[in-house]
């Protein structure tokens, strides 16, 4: 009985020691990942983003929320198109992962455009949506350019729009084309432009104004 008790105690001591060693290793790995991120390692920053993305789903912790925001912005600063888009949308809407942030609409739009120019399809769709809410043919042409590029990357919502307006191919850009694009944008089921209602109130205004063809 005494030997069994001693064996059990030794086993418990071993488990505690192993757990402590494992915890120390995890802390060391986390600090190393943070160091690499600060040195500009994209993969390290992305690992940290995913870490805090899942952590804040488990608990509501202001410190972890701040870290998530920091690493999204860090990845955006490192010119990763996906995160430039995420941070740009957050700045436009003033929220990220249910975390309220200071709105900066202009900077948000600029980041989304940069992401679109780096061929990130969701950014191209949002840029296209933004440009197509217009009263003139020039902006509509530019908006379609981004949507077509997103379709070239096989992004389904963009290809849906291109299919919907196919009968306007090789025809002048008109109000009828604009209406068709607007309808397609509303029904394409893109998750990003569907959640972005910032431009909807401009449509009725532009419908009442002359369409500028040049």
C-alpha atoms as a PDB file:
ATOM      1  CA  UNK A   1       0.000   0.000   0.000  1.00  0.00           C
ATOM      2  CA  UNK A   2       2.824   2.342   0.937  1.00  0.00           C
ATOM      3  CA  UNK A   3       4.651   1.577  -2.326  1.00  0.00           C
ATOM      4  CA  UNK A   4       1.480   2.257  -4.327  1.00  0.00           C
ATOM      5  CA  UNK A   5       1.041   5.605  -2.585  1.00  0.00           C
ATOM      6  CA  UNK A   6       4.655   6.571  -3.283  1.00  0.00           C
ATOM      7  CA  UNK A   7       4.273   5.538  -6.935  1.00  0.00           C
ATOM      8  CA  UNK A   8       1.099   7.627  -7.236  1.00  0.00           C
ATOM      9  CA  UNK A   9       2.811  10.664  -5.713  1.00  0.00           C
ATOM     10  CA  UNK A  10       5.775  10.296  -8.076  1.00  0.00           C
ATOM     11  CA  UNK A  11       3.376  10.028 -11.023  1.00  0.00           C
ATOM     12  CA  UNK A  12       1.543  13.194  -9.961  1.00  0.00           C
ATOM     13  CA  UNK A  13       4.831  15.048  -9.515  1.00  0.00           C
ATOM     14  CA  UNK A  14       5.860  13.947 -13.012  1.00  0.00           C
ATOM     15  CA  UNK A  15       2.563  15.125 -14.526  1.00  0.00           C
ATOM     16  CA  UNK A  16       2.841  18.524 -12.827  1.00  0.00           C
ATOM     17  CA  UNK A  17       6.464  18.904 -13.951  1.00  0.00           C
ATOM     18  CA  UNK A  18       5.543  17.938 -17.520  1.00  0.00           C
ATOM     19  CA  UNK A  19       2.605  20.368 -17.554  1.00  0.00           C
ATOM     20  CA  UNK A  20       4.807  23.174 -16.263  1.00  0.00           C
ATOM     21  CA  UNK A  21       7.477  22.418 -18.871  1.00  0.00           C
ATOM     22  CA  UNK A  22       4.854  22.353 -21.623  1.00  0.00           C
ATOM     23  CA  UNK A  23       3.419  25.682 -20.456  1.00  0.00           C
ATOM     24  CA  UNK A  24       6.889  27.232 -20.394  1.00  0.00           C
ATOM     25  CA  UNK A  25       7.566  25.956 -23.928  1.00  0.00           C
ATOM     26  CA  UNK A  26       4.288  27.429 -25.174  1.00  0.00           C
ATOM     27  CA  UNK A  27       5.161  30.797 -23.634  1.00  0.00           C
ATOM     28  CA  UNK A  28       8.622  30.696 -25.212  1.00  0.00           C
ATOM     29  CA  UNK A  29       7.129  29.804 -28.599  1.00  0.00           C
ATOM     30  CA  UNK A  30       4.618  32.647 -28.314  1.00  0.00           C
ATOM     31  CA  UNK A  31       7.340  35.165 -27.492  1.00  0.00           C
ATOM     32  CA  UNK A  32       9.445  33.890 -30.395  1.00  0.00           C
ATOM     33  CA  UNK A  33       6.463  34.198 -32.756  1.00  0.00           C
ATOM     34  CA  UNK A  34       5.862  37.769 -31.579  1.00  0.00           C
ATOM     35  CA  UNK A  35       9.525  38.602 -32.134  1.00  0.00           C
ATOM     36  CA  UNK A  36       9.432  37.205 -35.667  1.00  0.00           C
ATOM     37  CA  UNK A  37       6.275  39.157 -36.427  1.00  0.00           C
ATOM     38  CA  UNK A  38       7.886  42.404 -35.299  1.00  0.00           C
ATOM     39  CA  UNK A  39      10.766  41.610 -37.659  1.00  0.00           C
ATOM     40  CA  UNK A  40       8.305  41.387 -40.551  1.00  0.00           C
ATOM     41  CA  UNK A  41       7.637  37.642 -40.745  1.00  0.00           C
ATOM     42  CA  UNK A  42       4.211  37.349 -42.408  1.00  0.00           C
ATOM     43  CA  UNK A  43       3.569  33.776 -41.259  1.00  0.00           C
ATOM     44  CA  UNK A  44       4.318  34.646 -37.635  1.00  0.00           C
ATOM     45  CA  UNK A  45       1.931  37.604 -37.723  1.00  0.00           C
ATOM     46  CA  UNK A  46      -0.765  35.465 -39.324  1.00  0.00           C
ATOM     47  CA  UNK A  47      -0.352  32.798 -36.640  1.00  0.00           C
ATOM     48  CA  UNK A  48      -0.808  35.462 -33.979  1.00  0.00           C
ATOM     49  CA  UNK A  49      -3.865  36.875 -35.743  1.00  0.00           C
ATOM     50  CA  UNK A  50      -5.497  33.419 -35.797  1.00  0.00           C
ATOM     51  CA  UNK A  51      -4.530  32.813 -32.173  1.00  0.00           C
ATOM     52  CA  UNK A  52      -6.281  35.938 -30.916  1.00  0.00           C
ATOM     53  CA  UNK A  53      -9.143  35.503 -33.393  1.00  0.00           C
ATOM     54  CA  UNK A  54     -10.045  32.236 -31.649  1.00  0.00           C
ATOM     55  CA  UNK A  55      -9.162  33.442 -28.151  1.00  0.00           C
ATOM     56  CA  UNK A  56     -11.688  36.299 -28.236  1.00  0.00           C
ATOM     57  CA  UNK A  57     -14.398  33.842 -29.293  1.00  0.00           C
ATOM     58  CA  UNK A  58     -13.749  31.956 -26.057  1.00  0.00           C
ATOM     59  CA  UNK A  59     -13.680  34.953 -23.722  1.00  0.00           C
ATOM     60  CA  UNK A  60     -14.350  38.669 -23.792  1.00  0.00           C
ATOM     61  CA  UNK A  61     -10.965  40.121 -22.918  1.00  0.00           C
ATOM     62  CA  UNK A  62      -9.998  43.700 -23.803  1.00  0.00           C
ATOM     63  CA  UNK A  63      -6.280  42.880 -23.892  1.00  0.00           C
ATOM     64  CA  UNK A  64      -6.808  40.049 -26.386  1.00  0.00           C
ATOM     65  CA  UNK A  65      -9.097  42.240 -28.511  1.00  0.00           C
ATOM     66  CA  UNK A  66      -6.378  44.888 -28.673  1.00  0.00           C
ATOM     67  CA  UNK A  67      -3.864  42.238 -29.743  1.00  0.00           C
ATOM     68  CA  UNK A  68      -6.177  40.999 -32.502  1.00  0.00           C
ATOM     69  CA  UNK A  69      -6.552  44.542 -33.834  1.00  0.00           C
ATOM     70  CA  UNK A  70      -2.801  45.071 -33.599  1.00  0.00           C
ATOM     71  CA  UNK A  71      -1.961  41.987 -35.672  1.00  0.00           C
ATOM     72  CA  UNK A  72      -4.611  42.678 -38.330  1.00  0.00           C
ATOM     73  CA  UNK A  73      -3.151  46.157 -38.759  1.00  0.00           C
ATOM     74  CA  UNK A  74       0.374  44.733 -38.683  1.00  0.00           C
ATOM     75  CA  UNK A  75      -0.466  42.338 -41.518  1.00  0.00           C
ATOM     76  CA  UNK A  76      -2.103  45.190 -43.411  1.00  0.00           C
ATOM     77  CA  UNK A  77       1.046  47.289 -42.985  1.00  0.00           C
ATOM     78  CA  UNK A  78       3.041  44.339 -44.358  1.00  0.00           C
ATOM     79  CA  UNK A  79       0.927  44.660 -47.545  1.00  0.00           C
ATOM     80  CA  UNK A  80      -0.886  41.335 -47.240  1.00  0.00           C
ATOM     81  CA  UNK A  81      -3.922  41.875 -49.531  1.00  0.00           C
ATOM     82  CA  UNK A  82      -6.342  39.821 -47.432  1.00  0.00           C
ATOM     83  CA  UNK A  83      -5.562  41.776 -44.277  1.00  0.00           C
ATOM     84  CA  UNK A  84      -5.439  45.121 -46.048  1.00  0.00           C
ATOM     85  CA  UNK A  85      -9.002  44.309 -47.063  1.00  0.00           C
ATOM     86  CA  UNK A  86     -10.055  43.173 -43.563  1.00  0.00           C
ATOM     87  CA  UNK A  87      -8.558  46.272 -41.949  1.00  0.00           C
ATOM     88  CA  UNK A  88      -9.957  48.534 -44.667  1.00  0.00           C
ATOM     89  CA  UNK A  89     -13.486  47.191 -44.153  1.00  0.00           C
ATOM     90  CA  UNK A  90     -13.088  47.572 -40.398  1.00  0.00           C
ATOM     91  CA  UNK A  91     -12.044  51.214 -40.755  1.00  0.00           C
ATOM     92  CA  UNK A  92     -14.941  51.918 -43.128  1.00  0.00           C
ATOM     93  CA  UNK A  93     -17.544  50.357 -40.843  1.00  0.00           C
ATOM     94  CA  UNK A  94     -15.982  51.098 -37.456  1.00  0.00           C
ATOM     95  CA  UNK A  95     -16.076  47.486 -36.295  1.00  0.00           C
ATOM     96  CA  UNK A  96     -14.030  44.274 -36.522  1.00  0.00           C
ATOM     97  CA  UNK A  97     -15.064  40.947 -34.981  1.00  0.00           C
ATOM     98  CA  UNK A  98     -17.678  42.847 -32.920  1.00  0.00           C
ATOM     99  CA  UNK A  99     -14.904  45.111 -31.614  1.00  0.00           C
ATOM    100  CA  UNK A 100     -15.729  48.772 -32.104  1.00  0.00           C
ATOM    101  CA  UNK A 101     -12.913  50.868 -33.537  1.00  0.00           C
ATOM    102  CA  UNK A 102     -12.475  54.458 -34.668  1.00  0.00           C
ATOM    103  CA  UNK A 103     -13.945  54.933 -38.141  1.00  0.00           C
ATOM    104  CA  UNK A 104     -11.658  56.245 -40.857  1.00  0.00           C
ATOM    105  CA  UNK A 105     -13.668  55.955 -44.062  1.00  0.00           C
ATOM    106  CA  UNK A 106     -11.079  57.513 -46.362  1.00  0.00           C
ATOM    107  CA  UNK A 107      -8.207  55.300 -45.181  1.00  0.00           C
ATOM    108  CA  UNK A 108     -10.478  52.253 -45.328  1.00  0.00           C
ATOM    109  CA  UNK A 109     -11.397  52.923 -48.966  1.00  0.00           C
ATOM    110  CA  UNK A 110      -7.730  53.472 -49.864  1.00  0.00           C
ATOM    111  CA  UNK A 111      -6.730  50.141 -48.290  1.00  0.00           C
ATOM    112  CA  UNK A 112      -9.500  48.288 -50.102  1.00  0.00           C
ATOM    113  CA  UNK A 113      -8.414  49.819 -53.416  1.00  0.00           C
ATOM    114  CA  UNK A 114      -4.789  48.818 -52.756  1.00  0.00           C
ATOM    115  CA  UNK A 115      -5.935  45.285 -51.930  1.00  0.00           C
ATOM    116  CA  UNK A 116      -8.012  45.209 -55.126  1.00  0.00           C
ATOM    117  CA  UNK A 117      -5.005  46.349 -57.157  1.00  0.00           C
ATOM    118  CA  UNK A 118      -3.100  43.413 -55.626  1.00  0.00           C
ATOM    119  CA  UNK A 119      -5.765  41.082 -57.079  1.00  0.00           C
ATOM    120  CA  UNK A 120      -7.672  40.132 -53.911  1.00  0.00           C
ATOM    121  CA  UNK A 121     -11.143  39.247 -55.308  1.00  0.00           C
ATOM    122  CA  UNK A 122     -13.329  40.306 -52.329  1.00  0.00           C
ATOM    123  CA  UNK A 123     -11.614  43.711 -52.381  1.00  0.00           C
ATOM    124  CA  UNK A 124     -12.168  43.947 -56.130  1.00  0.00           C
ATOM    125  CA  UNK A 125     -15.882  43.303 -55.581  1.00  0.00           C
ATOM    126  CA  UNK A 126     -16.182  45.992 -52.907  1.00  0.00           C
ATOM    127  CA  UNK A 127     -14.199  48.442 -55.051  1.00  0.00           C
ATOM    128  CA  UNK A 128     -16.426  47.592 -58.003  1.00  0.00           C
ATOM    129  CA  UNK A 129     -19.567  48.088 -55.918  1.00  0.00           C
ATOM    130  CA  UNK A 130     -18.278  51.426 -54.644  1.00  0.00           C
ATOM    131  CA  UNK A 131     -17.446  52.713 -58.135  1.00  0.00           C
ATOM    132  CA  UNK A 132     -20.657  51.449 -59.752  1.00  0.00           C
ATOM    133  CA  UNK A 133     -22.829  53.504 -57.387  1.00  0.00           C
ATOM    134  CA  UNK A 134     -22.398  56.552 -59.594  1.00  0.00           C
ATOM    135  CA  UNK A 135     -24.013  59.024 -61.975  1.00  0.00           C
ATOM    136  CA  UNK A 136     -21.398  58.700 -64.729  1.00  0.00           C
ATOM    137  CA  UNK A 137     -20.108  56.205 -67.284  1.00  0.00           C
ATOM    138  CA  UNK A 138     -16.431  56.660 -66.387  1.00  0.00           C
ATOM    139  CA  UNK A 139     -16.836  55.399 -62.814  1.00  0.00           C
ATOM    140  CA  UNK A 140     -19.139  52.613 -63.988  1.00  0.00           C
ATOM    141  CA  UNK A 141     -16.449  51.474 -66.434  1.00  0.00           C
ATOM    142  CA  UNK A 142     -13.841  51.455 -63.662  1.00  0.00           C
ATOM    143  CA  UNK A 143     -16.178  49.536 -61.364  1.00  0.00           C
ATOM    144  CA  UNK A 144     -16.786  46.897 -64.029  1.00  0.00           C
ATOM    145  CA  UNK A 145     -13.033  46.614 -64.527  1.00  0.00           C
ATOM    146  CA  UNK A 146     -12.589  45.473 -60.909  1.00  0.00           C
ATOM    147  CA  UNK A 147     -15.571  43.109 -61.079  1.00  0.00           C
ATOM    148  CA  UNK A 148     -14.225  41.521 -64.276  1.00  0.00           C
ATOM    149  CA  UNK A 149     -10.822  41.038 -62.647  1.00  0.00           C
ATOM    150  CA  UNK A 150     -12.488  39.313 -59.694  1.00  0.00           C
ATOM    151  CA  UNK A 151     -14.294  37.027 -62.150  1.00  0.00           C
ATOM    152  CA  UNK A 152     -10.968  36.306 -63.864  1.00  0.00           C
ATOM    153  CA  UNK A 153      -9.908  34.901 -60.467  1.00  0.00           C
ATOM    154  CA  UNK A 154     -13.049  32.703 -60.507  1.00  0.00           C
ATOM    155  CA  UNK A 155     -14.765  34.614 -57.695  1.00  0.00           C
ATOM    156  CA  UNK A 156     -18.412  33.404 -57.967  1.00  0.00           C
ATOM    157  CA  UNK A 157     -20.294  36.646 -57.099  1.00  0.00           C
ATOM    158  CA  UNK A 158     -18.267  38.557 -59.696  1.00  0.00           C
ATOM    159  CA  UNK A 159     -18.875  35.953 -62.392  1.00  0.00           C
ATOM    160  CA  UNK A 160     -22.589  36.042 -61.544  1.00  0.00           C
ATOM    161  CA  UNK A 161     -22.628  39.782 -62.293  1.00  0.00           C
ATOM    162  CA  UNK A 162     -20.693  39.379 -65.540  1.00  0.00           C
ATOM    163  CA  UNK A 163     -23.188  36.728 -66.661  1.00  0.00           C
ATOM    164  CA  UNK A 164     -26.143  38.974 -65.757  1.00  0.00           C
ATOM    165  CA  UNK A 165     -24.848  41.853 -67.886  1.00  0.00           C
ATOM    166  CA  UNK A 166     -23.563  39.740 -70.783  1.00  0.00           C
ATOM    167  CA  UNK A 167     -26.269  41.045 -73.158  1.00  0.00           C
ATOM    168  CA  UNK A 168     -24.749  44.535 -72.781  1.00  0.00           C
ATOM    169  CA  UNK A 169     -21.423  43.328 -74.170  1.00  0.00           C
ATOM    170  CA  UNK A 170     -19.868  45.676 -76.747  1.00  0.00           C
ATOM    171  CA  UNK A 171     -22.609  48.247 -76.164  1.00  0.00           C
ATOM    172  CA  UNK A 172     -22.249  51.805 -74.813  1.00  0.00           C
ATOM    173  CA  UNK A 173     -22.371  52.315 -71.050  1.00  0.00           C
ATOM    174  CA  UNK A 174     -25.871  53.574 -70.265  1.00  0.00           C
ATOM    175  CA  UNK A 175     -28.359  53.972 -67.426  1.00  0.00           C
ATOM    176  CA  UNK A 176     -29.886  50.612 -68.402  1.00  0.00           C
ATOM    177  CA  UNK A 177     -26.542  48.895 -67.900  1.00  0.00           C
ATOM    178  CA  UNK A 178     -26.161  50.665 -64.557  1.00  0.00           C
ATOM    179  CA  UNK A 179     -29.575  49.411 -63.407  1.00  0.00           C
ATOM    180  CA  UNK A 180     -28.661  45.885 -64.455  1.00  0.00           C
ATOM    181  CA  UNK A 181     -25.375  46.090 -62.534  1.00  0.00           C
ATOM    182  CA  UNK A 182     -27.124  47.446 -59.438  1.00  0.00           C
ATOM    183  CA  UNK A 183     -29.662  44.626 -59.520  1.00  0.00           C
ATOM    184  CA  UNK A 184     -26.908  42.034 -59.968  1.00  0.00           C
ATOM    185  CA  UNK A 185     -24.899  43.523 -57.088  1.00  0.00           C
ATOM    186  CA  UNK A 186     -27.944  43.224 -54.839  1.00  0.00           C
ATOM    187  CA  UNK A 187     -28.545  39.565 -55.727  1.00  0.00           C
ATOM    188  CA  UNK A 188     -25.011  38.193 -56.144  1.00  0.00           C
ATOM    189  CA  UNK A 189     -24.799  37.021 -52.499  1.00  0.00           C
ATOM    190  CA  UNK A 190     -21.371  38.474 -51.921  1.00  0.00           C
ATOM    191  CA  UNK A 191     -20.934  38.467 -48.115  1.00  0.00           C
ATOM    192  CA  UNK A 192     -18.916  41.658 -48.038  1.00  0.00           C
ATOM    193  CA  UNK A 193     -21.016  43.997 -50.142  1.00  0.00           C
ATOM    194  CA  UNK A 194     -24.226  42.557 -48.664  1.00  0.00           C
ATOM    195  CA  UNK A 195     -23.093  43.627 -45.205  1.00  0.00           C
ATOM    196  CA  UNK A 196     -21.997  47.011 -46.497  1.00  0.00           C
ATOM    197  CA  UNK A 197     -25.066  49.283 -46.856  1.00  0.00           C
ATOM    198  CA  UNK A 198     -23.133  52.541 -46.862  1.00  0.00           C
ATOM    199  CA  UNK A 199     -23.907  53.403 -50.481  1.00  0.00           C
ATOM    200  CA  UNK A 200     -27.544  52.340 -50.836  1.00  0.00           C
ATOM    201  CA  UNK A 201     -29.033  55.781 -50.201  1.00  0.00           C
ATOM    202  CA  UNK A 202     -27.164  57.208 -53.197  1.00  0.00           C
ATOM    203  CA  UNK A 203     -29.060  55.137 -55.769  1.00  0.00           C
ATOM    204  CA  UNK A 204     -32.347  57.049 -55.691  1.00  0.00           C
ATOM    205  CA  UNK A 205     -30.415  60.303 -55.775  1.00  0.00           C
ATOM    206  CA  UNK A 206     -28.479  59.269 -58.902  1.00  0.00           C
ATOM    207  CA  UNK A 207     -31.613  57.952 -60.613  1.00  0.00           C
ATOM    208  CA  UNK A 208     -33.067  61.462 -60.445  1.00  0.00           C
ATOM    209  CA  UNK A 209     -29.972  63.033 -61.988  1.00  0.00           C
ATOM    210  CA  UNK A 210     -28.890  63.008 -65.661  1.00  0.00           C
ATOM    211  CA  UNK A 211     -26.520  60.139 -66.438  1.00  0.00           C
ATOM    212  CA  UNK A 212     -23.154  61.495 -67.571  1.00  0.00           C
ATOM    213  CA  UNK A 213     -22.023  59.408 -70.535  1.00  0.00           C
ATOM    214  CA  UNK A 214     -18.517  60.838 -70.891  1.00  0.00           C
END
